[in-house]
Amino acid sequence: MKEQSELVPLLTGGKLKSYQLKGVKWLISLWQNGLNGILADQMGLGKTIQTIGFLSHLKGNGLDGLYLVIAPLSTLSNWMNEIARYGTLYHTCLFSVQALRTISFFPSS
C-alpha cells in the first residue's frame, strides 16, 4: 500500500488519515480507468482534503491543467483556507456567480 509521501508528495501541511488516503487512491483509480465518481463521505471526514490530495497527485505527475471545483458558497472560504494550508495548488482563483456572468469563455464568431 503506497504511503502519502509516495502517492501525493506535493501534499504538505498535514498527514492524511488512513481512510482519507484510501479516498485519494480511489479517486486516482477512477481517473486512471476513465471513470467518474462522487466522493460522498459524511460531513467532516475530509472530502476537501481528499480532493486537494487527488489534484496534487495529478500536478505531481505533470498534469498542471486547469481544474474546476464547484462548491456551495458557504464552503468556499474553507476551500481557499485548505488549499493555502496544504500548499500544493499555487494558482487558485475564486469566482462568484456575478463574476462568471461577466466572463466570456467562448469567443463570439
Foldseek 3Di string as FASTA:
>chain_A
DDALCVQQVLFDQDGQDPVLVVLLVVVVVCVVVVHDDDDDDDPPNDPLVSVVSNVSNCVVVVNLDDDDDDDDPVCVVVSVVSCVNRPRNDDDDDDDPVRVVPDDPDDDD
